[in-house]
């Protein structure tokens, strides 16, 4: 494929940025919630950081899978809105289709939130059997108990979020998420230390604060959408009134996405358990570096969602060439950001690790030394992490949600996990080997996903061309 001309790249980059920038900033603000949690865990103790970080990994595993179940909502709404435009502005028909999608998404989010909370509690009781230190496992269980109630409003928030993104009106997301960061930090402090008459909860106080913030964020986003004259007529949260066919369609598309997200999150969760097997110091270093990766990953998430929505829209409007350019634009934007971040990691490792690890402490110095070595691997890893997330989004724009899951099984579990085990245990590289295995798995996944998007887009364009010829022939026109 020829390289894009600079003028075309800039033009497409600006078009992508209209949706991507608010989403990236929202993602970064949202990850500030877990970053604040992680920093405050580190202020308690290295053991609390290890336990709390492990609990957050489990919470994020289930949250990510729940989000995957409703992620296709944005694509379906974007396509429905585009079809309404091309049908001469049939807003009544398009509006009813969009309302049905929203109701189905709330129903799916509710079921996923309840099931995920139950699983979270069960996993908490199995941590000791999974090789974690007894003291760390006990602390992690209390944290999971506090986090579990927050999963339901978290997924409700995601359902409404996908609705606003699909309608290309995500602006309120950033304001709400920024406010939630400040509220979360304040609640963390109050509940950890028992200020203003509140109970002194310590580590579990961070989990309680996070659950409360998820509820407040959902209520704020819903209220904002109700005040929007475009969104309000289309917003329906009546999950009981959801059409079963609509729910089944969301589940059909969402299960492979959830499995894909779960495959990736599970890959990271298993490697966190592997890091924990080398002791609490290694787990603390792993947690700190993983949080940095998670922060930067939000750029990829924002680009992935924006590219995915734009692909759905362009294909609904019959413009496959524009959908092809979206891939190159998103990858170029992602690579530019990752290059800057990699340079910062290499040049200033102590600076980026300082918020998470106290290098002057007894265990903190050793954890900081381990984390510094890991940053060299992460500087390369994040390029592939960004590319594979964009690839998943591009395939979602094609309504191809199954290929992503199959490819992650190969990349993460058939390549990455065996490589992590061999390098960590057989080659005796410990936590460094774990992260080298992560690098191998993400690189393999990225290459396979982007290749699949290219072949899938060619197949889609060919099918569209054949359909156009058939329509022309039925109408009595020349078939070219």
Protein backbone atom coordinates (compact mmCIF):
# COMPACT_ATOMS: atom_id res chain seq x y z
CA UNK A 1 0.00 0.00 0.00
CA UNK A 2 1.48 3.40 -0.93
CA UNK A 3 2.28 5.86 1.81
CA UNK A 4 -0.24 8.58 2.48
CA UNK A 5 0.62 12.07 1.25
CA UNK A 6 1.38 14.50 4.12
CA UNK A 7 -1.55 16.74 3.21
CA UNK A 8 -3.95 13.80 3.21
CA UNK A 9 -2.52 12.54 6.51
CA UNK A 10 -2.96 15.96 8.12
CA UNK A 11 -6.51 16.29 6.82
CA UNK A 12 -7.48 12.81 8.00
CA UNK A 13 -5.65 13.39 11.28
CA UNK A 14 -7.72 16.49 11.99
CA UNK A 15 -10.93 14.59 11.18
CA UNK A 16 -9.91 11.75 13.51
CA UNK A 17 -8.90 14.20 16.24
CA UNK A 18 -12.40 15.72 16.40
CA UNK A 19 -13.60 12.53 18.07
CA UNK A 20 -10.32 11.05 19.30
CA UNK A 21 -9.02 13.98 21.37
CA UNK A 22 -12.05 14.20 23.70
CA UNK A 23 -11.96 10.42 24.06
CA UNK A 24 -8.22 10.30 24.77
CA UNK A 25 -8.50 13.07 27.35
CA UNK A 26 -11.48 11.32 28.92
CA UNK A 27 -9.56 8.04 29.05
CA UNK A 28 -6.57 9.76 30.63
CA UNK A 29 -8.79 11.47 33.18
CA UNK A 30 -10.51 8.17 33.90
CA UNK A 31 -7.25 6.33 34.45
CA UNK A 32 -6.33 9.09 36.91
CA UNK A 33 -8.87 7.40 39.18
CA UNK A 34 -6.85 4.19 39.40
CA UNK A 35 -3.59 6.15 39.37
CA UNK A 36 -4.76 8.12 42.42
CA UNK A 37 -5.74 4.85 44.05
CA UNK A 38 -2.33 3.33 43.28
CA UNK A 39 -0.43 6.34 44.62
CA UNK A 40 -2.41 6.29 47.87
CA UNK A 41 -1.85 2.55 48.23
CA UNK A 42 1.87 3.17 47.95
CA UNK A 43 1.65 5.79 50.71
CA UNK A 44 0.17 3.15 53.02
CA UNK A 45 2.87 0.49 52.51
CA UNK A 46 4.55 -1.66 49.89
CA UNK A 47 2.39 -4.61 50.97
CA UNK A 48 -0.79 -2.54 50.62
CA UNK A 49 0.37 -1.48 47.15
CA UNK A 50 0.89 -5.14 46.20
CA UNK A 51 -2.50 -6.22 47.59
CA UNK A 52 -4.45 -3.23 46.30
CA UNK A 53 -2.79 -3.45 42.91
CA UNK A 54 -3.73 -7.11 42.66
CA UNK A 55 -7.35 -6.28 43.55
CA UNK A 56 -7.43 -3.56 40.89
CA UNK A 57 -6.08 -5.99 38.30
CA UNK A 58 -8.98 -8.37 39.06
CA UNK A 59 -11.52 -5.53 39.07
CA UNK A 60 -10.20 -4.20 35.77
CA UNK A 61 -10.31 -7.70 34.28
CA UNK A 62 -14.04 -8.00 34.94
CA UNK A 63 -14.80 -4.35 34.22
CA UNK A 64 -13.01 -4.60 30.88
CA UNK A 65 -15.00 -7.69 29.88
CA UNK A 66 -18.24 -5.95 30.87
CA UNK A 67 -17.27 -2.89 28.85
CA UNK A 68 -16.60 -5.18 25.89
CA UNK A 69 -20.19 -6.40 25.98
CA UNK A 70 -21.50 -2.87 25.31
CA UNK A 71 -18.65 -1.50 23.20
CA UNK A 72 -20.38 -2.32 19.90
CA UNK A 73 -23.21 0.03 20.96
CA UNK A 74 -21.23 3.02 19.70
CA UNK A 75 -20.65 1.41 16.31
CA UNK A 76 -24.28 0.39 15.91
CA UNK A 77 -25.56 3.83 16.85
CA UNK A 78 -23.08 5.55 14.50
CA UNK A 79 -24.20 3.31 11.64
CA UNK A 80 -27.90 3.87 12.45
CA UNK A 81 -27.41 7.64 12.49
CA UNK A 82 -25.51 7.51 9.16
CA UNK A 83 -28.25 5.39 7.58
CA UNK A 84 -30.86 7.90 8.72
CA UNK A 85 -28.85 10.65 7.00
CA UNK A 86 -28.55 8.76 3.71
CA UNK A 87 -32.26 7.87 3.80
CA UNK A 88 -33.22 11.50 3.46
CA UNK A 89 -33.08 12.31 7.16
CA UNK A 90 -35.58 9.72 8.39
CA UNK A 91 -35.03 10.79 12.01
CA UNK A 92 -38.15 9.09 13.37
CA UNK A 93 -37.13 5.65 12.13
CA UNK A 94 -33.49 6.22 13.04
CA UNK A 95 -34.47 7.50 16.48
CA UNK A 96 -36.48 4.40 17.31
CA UNK A 97 -33.62 2.17 16.22
CA UNK A 98 -31.18 4.11 18.41
CA UNK A 99 -33.51 4.02 21.44
CA UNK A 100 -33.81 0.26 21.06
CA UNK A 101 -30.01 -0.11 20.99
CA UNK A 102 -29.66 1.99 24.16
CA UNK A 103 -32.29 -0.04 26.05
CA UNK A 104 -30.58 -3.27 25.05
CA UNK A 105 -27.20 -1.93 26.16
CA UNK A 106 -28.51 -1.05 29.63
CA UNK A 107 -29.99 -4.54 29.98
CA UNK A 108 -26.70 -6.17 29.00
CA UNK A 109 -24.71 -3.86 31.30
CA UNK A 110 -26.96 -4.73 34.25
CA UNK A 111 -26.57 -8.47 33.81
CA UNK A 112 -22.81 -8.15 33.31
CA UNK A 113 -22.40 -5.95 36.39
CA UNK A 114 -24.22 -8.35 38.70
CA UNK A 115 -22.39 -11.40 37.38
CA UNK A 116 -19.00 -9.67 37.48
CA UNK A 117 -19.41 -8.56 41.09
CA UNK A 118 -20.14 -12.15 42.14
CA UNK A 119 -17.12 -13.48 40.27
CA UNK A 120 -14.91 -10.81 41.86
CA UNK A 121 -15.78 -12.01 45.35
CA UNK A 122 -15.19 -15.65 44.43
CA UNK A 123 -11.76 -14.90 42.96
CA UNK A 124 -10.83 -13.03 46.12
CA UNK A 125 -11.25 -16.18 48.17
CA UNK A 126 -9.03 -18.16 45.78
CA UNK A 127 -5.97 -15.87 45.84
CA UNK A 128 -3.99 -17.89 48.38
CA UNK A 129 -4.42 -20.99 46.25
CA UNK A 130 -3.11 -19.00 43.27
CA UNK A 131 0.29 -18.56 44.89
CA UNK A 132 -0.13 -15.19 46.60
CA UNK A 133 1.25 -14.48 50.07
CA UNK A 134 -1.39 -14.97 52.77
CA UNK A 135 -1.08 -11.41 54.09
CA UNK A 136 -1.35 -9.92 50.59
CA UNK A 137 -4.34 -12.14 49.73
CA UNK A 138 -6.18 -11.14 52.91
CA UNK A 139 -5.74 -7.43 52.17
CA UNK A 140 -6.76 -7.93 48.54
CA UNK A 141 -10.02 -9.66 49.60
CA UNK A 142 -11.13 -6.66 51.65
CA UNK A 143 -10.36 -4.38 48.71
CA UNK A 144 -12.37 -6.57 46.32
CA UNK A 145 -15.33 -6.56 48.70
CA UNK A 146 -15.33 -2.75 48.60
CA UNK A 147 -14.88 -2.57 44.80
CA UNK A 148 -17.57 -5.10 43.84
CA UNK A 149 -20.65 -2.82 44.28
CA UNK A 150 -19.10 -0.23 41.96
CA UNK A 151 -19.03 -2.53 38.94
CA UNK A 152 -22.76 -2.12 38.18
CA UNK A 153 -22.85 1.72 37.93
CA UNK A 154 -19.48 1.56 36.15
CA UNK A 155 -21.04 -0.49 33.34
CA UNK A 156 -24.17 1.68 33.26
CA UNK A 157 -21.86 4.64 32.73
CA UNK A 158 -20.17 2.78 29.85
CA UNK A 159 -23.51 2.04 28.18
CA UNK A 160 -24.50 5.72 28.22
CA UNK A 161 -20.98 6.67 27.19
CA UNK A 162 -21.11 4.50 24.07
CA UNK A 163 -24.43 6.13 23.20
CA UNK A 164 -22.92 9.63 23.36
CA UNK A 165 -19.83 8.55 21.41
CA UNK A 166 -21.92 6.89 18.71
CA UNK A 167 -23.87 10.12 18.35
CA UNK A 168 -20.52 11.96 18.12
CA UNK A 169 -21.35 14.10 21.17
CA UNK A 170 -18.86 12.93 23.84
CA UNK A 171 -17.92 16.38 25.17
CA UNK A 172 -19.56 16.00 28.61
CA UNK A 173 -17.50 12.87 29.28
CA UNK A 174 -14.32 14.84 29.92
CA UNK A 175 -15.88 17.30 32.36
CA UNK A 176 -17.53 14.54 34.36
CA UNK A 177 -14.42 12.37 34.47
CA UNK A 178 -12.21 15.26 35.58
CA UNK A 179 -14.64 16.04 38.39
CA UNK A 180 -14.68 12.38 39.41
CA UNK A 181 -10.88 12.41 39.80
CA UNK A 182 -11.07 15.21 42.37
CA UNK A 183 -13.98 13.57 44.20
CA UNK A 184 -12.15 10.23 44.25
CA UNK A 185 -8.98 11.74 45.69
CA UNK A 186 -10.93 13.50 48.44
CA UNK A 187 -12.97 10.42 49.34
CA UNK A 188 -9.83 8.28 49.37
CA UNK A 189 -8.20 10.55 51.91
CA UNK A 190 -11.30 10.79 54.08
CA UNK A 191 -11.98 7.05 54.16
CA UNK A 192 -8.35 5.93 54.52
CA UNK A 193 -7.73 8.14 57.55
CA UNK A 194 -11.25 8.45 59.00
CA UNK A 195 -11.42 12.24 58.68
CA UNK A 196 -14.57 14.26 59.53
CA UNK A 197 -16.10 11.51 61.62
CA UNK A 198 -15.93 8.86 58.88
CA UNK A 199 -14.60 5.40 59.78
CA UNK A 200 -10.86 4.78 59.34
CA UNK A 201 -10.93 2.03 56.71
CA UNK A 202 -7.34 2.01 55.45
CA UNK A 203 -6.90 0.11 52.17
CA UNK A 204 -10.61 -0.88 51.82
CA UNK A 205 -11.48 2.83 52.01
CA UNK A 206 -9.92 3.25 48.58
CA UNK A 207 -12.29 0.62 47.19
CA UNK A 208 -15.34 2.21 48.82
CA UNK A 209 -14.40 5.60 47.39
CA UNK A 210 -13.98 4.13 43.91
CA UNK A 211 -17.43 2.48 44.04
CA UNK A 212 -19.09 5.72 45.15
CA UNK A 213 -17.38 7.65 42.37
CA UNK A 214 -18.59 5.20 39.72
CA UNK A 215 -22.17 5.74 40.89
CA UNK A 216 -21.83 9.54 40.92
CA UNK A 217 -20.22 9.51 37.45
CA UNK A 218 -23.09 7.51 35.97
CA UNK A 219 -25.69 9.84 37.48
CA UNK A 220 -23.82 12.90 36.21
CA UNK A 221 -23.50 11.54 32.65
CA UNK A 222 -27.16 10.57 32.55
CA UNK A 223 -28.20 14.03 33.77
CA UNK A 224 -25.96 15.67 31.18
CA UNK A 225 -27.41 13.58 28.34
CA UNK A 226 -30.94 14.42 29.47
CA UNK A 227 -30.11 18.13 29.13
CA UNK A 228 -28.77 17.69 25.58
CA UNK A 229 -31.51 18.47 23.05
CA UNK A 230 -30.13 15.95 20.54
CA UNK A 231 -29.43 13.11 22.98
CA UNK A 232 -32.41 13.43 25.34
CA UNK A 233 -35.13 12.17 22.93
CA UNK A 234 -33.01 9.11 22.14
CA UNK A 235 -31.95 8.17 25.69
CA UNK A 236 -34.01 5.36 27.18
CA UNK A 237 -32.74 3.36 30.18
CA UNK A 238 -35.76 1.05 30.41
CA UNK A 239 -33.85 -2.23 30.48
CA UNK A 240 -37.04 -4.21 31.10
CA UNK A 241 -38.46 -2.83 27.86
CA UNK A 242 -35.44 -3.94 25.82
CA UNK A 243 -36.22 -5.93 22.70
CA UNK A 244 -34.93 -9.48 23.02
CA UNK A 245 -33.67 -9.50 19.46
CA UNK A 246 -31.74 -6.33 20.15
CA UNK A 247 -30.22 -7.82 23.30
CA UNK A 248 -29.27 -10.98 21.41
CA UNK A 249 -27.60 -8.92 18.67
CA UNK A 250 -25.60 -6.94 21.23
CA UNK A 251 -24.58 -10.15 22.94
CA UNK A 252 -23.64 -11.71 19.58
CA UNK A 253 -21.35 -8.79 18.82
CA UNK A 254 -20.34 -8.12 22.41
CA UNK A 255 -19.30 -11.57 23.59
CA UNK A 256 -16.34 -11.78 21.17
CA UNK A 257 -15.34 -8.21 22.13
CA UNK A 258 -15.61 -9.06 25.83
CA UNK A 259 -13.63 -12.21 25.20
CA UNK A 260 -11.01 -10.19 23.29
CA UNK A 261 -10.75 -7.60 26.08
CA UNK A 262 -10.86 -10.35 28.66
CA UNK A 263 -8.15 -12.24 26.81
CA UNK A 264 -5.87 -9.21 27.00
CA UNK A 265 -6.80 -8.32 30.58
CA UNK A 266 -6.50 -11.97 31.55
CA UNK A 267 -3.07 -12.09 29.97
CA UNK A 268 -2.01 -9.16 32.17
CA UNK A 269 -3.77 -10.65 35.21
CA UNK A 270 -1.94 -13.96 34.87
CA UNK A 271 1.37 -12.17 34.45
CA UNK A 272 0.59 -10.17 37.62
CA UNK A 273 0.16 -13.46 39.45
CA UNK A 274 3.46 -14.63 37.96
CA UNK A 275 5.16 -11.46 39.19
CA UNK A 276 3.61 -12.00 42.62
CA UNK A 277 5.21 -15.42 42.81
CA UNK A 278 8.59 -13.64 43.04
CA UNK A 279 7.52 -11.81 46.22
CA UNK A 280 5.74 -8.62 47.25
CA UNK A 281 8.64 -6.41 46.15
CA UNK A 282 8.54 -7.76 42.60
CA UNK A 283 4.74 -7.45 42.57
CA UNK A 284 4.96 -3.82 43.74
CA UNK A 285 7.41 -3.04 40.90
CA UNK A 286 5.17 -4.84 38.42
CA UNK A 287 2.13 -2.90 39.70
CA UNK A 288 3.87 0.46 39.34
CA UNK A 289 5.06 -0.23 35.79
CA UNK A 290 1.73 -1.77 34.82
CA UNK A 291 0.00 1.42 35.96
CA UNK A 292 2.26 3.48 33.72
CA UNK A 293 1.44 1.20 30.79
CA UNK A 294 -2.24 1.51 31.65
CA UNK A 295 -1.99 5.32 31.60
CA UNK A 296 -0.34 5.48 28.18
CA UNK A 297 -2.67 2.77 26.88
CA UNK A 298 -5.56 5.23 27.18
CA UNK A 299 -4.21 7.11 24.18
CA UNK A 300 -4.56 3.90 22.19
CA UNK A 301 -8.06 3.32 23.57
CA UNK A 302 -9.21 6.79 22.52
CA UNK A 303 -7.70 6.39 19.04
CA UNK A 304 -9.18 2.90 18.75
CA UNK A 305 -12.71 4.02 19.65
CA UNK A 306 -12.56 7.04 17.35
CA UNK A 307 -11.16 5.00 14.45
CA UNK A 308 -13.76 2.30 15.03
CA UNK A 309 -16.70 4.73 15.04
CA UNK A 310 -15.37 6.47 11.93
CA UNK A 311 -14.92 3.16 10.09
CA UNK A 312 -18.52 2.19 10.87
CA UNK A 313 -19.73 5.56 9.64
CA UNK A 314 -17.64 5.57 6.45
CA UNK A 315 -18.72 2.06 5.50
CA UNK A 316 -22.37 2.90 6.16
CA UNK A 317 -21.91 5.85 3.78
CA UNK A 318 -20.27 3.56 1.18
CA UNK A 319 -16.73 4.98 1.41
CA UNK A 320 -14.29 2.05 1.90
CA UNK A 321 -11.28 4.10 0.73
CA UNK A 322 -11.78 6.51 3.63
CA UNK A 323 -12.04 3.53 5.99
CA UNK A 324 -8.68 2.27 4.68
CA UNK A 325 -7.01 5.61 5.37
CA UNK A 326 -8.34 5.68 8.93
CA UNK A 327 -6.02 2.78 9.83
CA UNK A 328 -2.90 4.58 8.64
CA UNK A 329 -3.91 7.83 10.33
CA UNK A 330 -4.63 6.19 13.68
CA UNK A 331 -1.37 4.22 13.63
CA UNK A 332 0.66 7.32 12.73
CA UNK A 333 -0.91 9.33 15.55
CA UNK A 334 -0.34 6.50 18.02
CA UNK A 335 3.29 6.03 16.99
CA UNK A 336 4.02 9.74 17.46
CA UNK A 337 2.71 9.72 21.03
CA UNK A 338 4.47 6.46 21.94
CA UNK A 339 7.81 7.78 20.68
CA UNK A 340 7.62 10.79 23.00
CA UNK A 341 6.65 8.60 25.98
CA UNK A 342 9.45 6.10 25.27
CA UNK A 343 12.00 8.90 25.32
CA UNK A 344 10.71 10.07 28.69
CA UNK A 345 10.90 6.54 30.13
CA UNK A 346 14.48 6.09 29.00
CA UNK A 347 15.67 9.55 30.04
CA UNK A 348 13.80 10.02 33.32
CA UNK A 349 12.93 6.60 34.82
CA UNK A 350 13.15 7.72 38.46
CA UNK A 351 10.89 10.69 37.80
CA UNK A 352 8.06 8.63 36.29
CA UNK A 353 8.32 5.97 39.02
CA UNK A 354 8.51 8.38 41.96
CA UNK A 355 4.70 8.76 42.42
CA UNK A 356 4.35 4.99 42.87
CA UNK A 357 7.48 3.81 44.67
CA UNK A 358 9.46 5.26 47.59
CA UNK A 359 13.05 4.56 46.53
CA UNK A 360 14.28 5.54 49.99
CA UNK A 361 12.32 2.81 51.81
CA UNK A 362 13.63 -0.62 52.74
CA UNK A 363 11.61 -2.47 50.10
CA UNK A 364 10.97 0.58 47.90
CA UNK A 365 14.58 0.86 46.72
CA UNK A 366 14.65 -2.71 45.46
CA UNK A 367 11.22 -2.34 43.84
CA UNK A 368 12.34 0.88 42.10
CA UNK A 369 15.46 -0.86 40.74
CA UNK A 370 13.34 -3.68 39.28
CA UNK A 371 10.82 -1.22 37.82
CA UNK A 372 13.59 0.84 36.18
CA UNK A 373 14.78 -2.21 34.22
CA UNK A 374 11.20 -3.00 33.22
CA UNK A 375 10.73 0.49 31.75
CA UNK A 376 13.28 -0.32 29.03
CA UNK A 377 11.07 -3.18 27.87
CA UNK A 378 7.93 -1.04 28.17
CA UNK A 379 9.46 1.65 25.94
CA UNK A 380 9.23 -0.86 23.06
CA UNK A 381 6.18 -2.80 24.23
CA UNK A 382 3.82 0.19 24.17
CA UNK A 383 4.15 0.60 20.37
CA UNK A 384 2.71 -2.87 19.85
CA UNK A 385 0.18 -2.42 22.66
CA UNK A 386 -1.14 0.70 20.91
CA UNK A 387 -1.19 -0.95 17.48
CA UNK A 388 -3.05 -4.04 18.64
CA UNK A 389 -5.73 -1.97 20.40
CA UNK A 390 -6.25 0.13 17.28
CA UNK A 391 -6.47 -3.10 15.28
CA UNK A 392 -9.26 -4.42 17.52
CA UNK A 393 -11.19 -1.18 17.03
CA UNK A 394 -10.77 -1.25 13.27
CA UNK A 395 -12.13 -4.79 13.08
CA UNK A 396 -15.07 -3.74 15.26
CA UNK A 397 -15.82 -1.07 12.67
CA UNK A 398 -16.17 -3.92 10.16
CA UNK A 399 -18.54 -5.73 12.58
CA UNK A 400 -15.85 -8.41 12.70
CA UNK A 401 -15.70 -9.04 16.44
CA UNK A 402 -14.81 -12.72 16.28
CA UNK A 403 -11.47 -12.41 14.49
CA UNK A 404 -10.07 -10.20 17.23
CA UNK A 405 -10.77 -12.81 19.85
CA UNK A 406 -9.24 -15.63 17.81
CA UNK A 407 -6.14 -13.58 17.13
CA UNK A 408 -5.66 -12.64 20.79
CA UNK A 409 -5.83 -16.31 21.72
CA UNK A 410 -2.89 -16.90 19.42
CA UNK A 411 -0.91 -13.79 20.30
CA UNK A 412 -1.41 -13.68 24.06
CA UNK A 413 -1.87 -17.27 25.08
CA UNK A 414 -0.08 -19.33 22.43
CA UNK A 415 2.90 -16.97 22.09
CA UNK A 416 3.02 -14.45 24.93
CA UNK A 417 2.25 -16.57 27.99
CA UNK A 418 4.60 -19.46 27.13
CA UNK A 419 7.32 -16.91 26.35
CA UNK A 420 6.73 -15.17 29.71
CA UNK A 421 6.91 -18.49 31.58
CA UNK A 422 10.06 -19.64 29.81
CA UNK A 423 11.86 -16.33 30.25
CA UNK A 424 10.74 -15.77 33.84
CA UNK A 425 11.32 -19.28 35.22
CA UNK A 426 13.39 -21.35 32.80
CA UNK A 427 15.72 -18.49 31.84
CA UNK A 428 15.62 -17.20 35.44
CA UNK A 429 14.86 -13.60 34.39
CA UNK A 430 12.06 -13.29 36.97
CA UNK A 431 9.84 -10.21 36.46
CA UNK A 432 11.93 -9.00 33.52
CA UNK A 433 11.14 -12.28 31.74
CA UNK A 434 7.43 -11.77 32.43
CA UNK A 435 7.52 -8.42 30.63
CA UNK A 436 9.55 -9.75 27.72
CA UNK A 437 6.83 -12.36 27.29
CA UNK A 438 4.22 -9.60 27.32
CA UNK A 439 6.18 -7.84 24.57
CA UNK A 440 6.26 -10.98 22.41
CA UNK A 441 2.53 -11.57 22.82
CA UNK A 442 1.50 -7.98 22.04
CA UNK A 443 3.77 -7.78 18.98
CA UNK A 444 2.34 -10.98 17.53
CA UNK A 445 -1.23 -9.83 18.18
CA UNK A 446 -0.68 -6.41 16.59
CA UNK A 447 0.70 -7.83 13.36
CA UNK A 448 -2.09 -10.39 12.98
CA UNK A 449 -4.90 -7.91 13.76
CA UNK A 450 -3.74 -5.32 11.24
CA UNK A 451 -3.31 -7.96 8.55
CA UNK A 452 -6.84 -9.19 9.23
CA UNK A 453 -8.26 -5.67 8.93
CA UNK A 454 -6.65 -5.23 5.54
CA UNK A 455 -8.09 -8.48 4.18
CA UNK A 456 -11.48 -7.86 5.79
CA UNK A 457 -11.75 -4.38 4.31
CA UNK A 458 -10.90 -5.70 0.84
CA UNK A 459 -13.60 -8.35 1.20
CA UNK A 460 -16.12 -5.73 2.35
CA UNK A 461 -15.29 -3.42 -0.55
CA UNK A 462 -15.65 -6.31 -3.01
CA UNK A 463 -19.03 -7.31 -1.58
CA UNK A 464 -20.23 -3.70 -1.71
CA UNK A 465 -19.14 -3.42 -5.35
CA UNK A 466 -20.95 -6.62 -6.32
CA UNK A 467 -24.10 -5.42 -4.55
CA UNK A 468 -23.96 -2.09 -6.40
CA UNK A 469 -23.64 -3.90 -9.74
CA UNK A 470 -26.61 -6.13 -8.90
CA UNK A 471 -28.74 -3.10 -7.99
CA UNK A 472 -27.81 -1.40 -11.26
CA UNK A 473 -28.69 -4.50 -13.28
CA UNK A 474 -32.07 -4.84 -11.59
CA UNK A 475 -32.74 -1.20 -12.39
CA UNK A 476 -31.98 -1.84 -16.07
CA UNK A 477 -28.73 0.15 -16.13
CA UNK A 478 -25.36 -0.91 -17.54
CA UNK A 479 -23.25 -3.22 -15.43
CA UNK A 480 -19.65 -2.07 -15.50
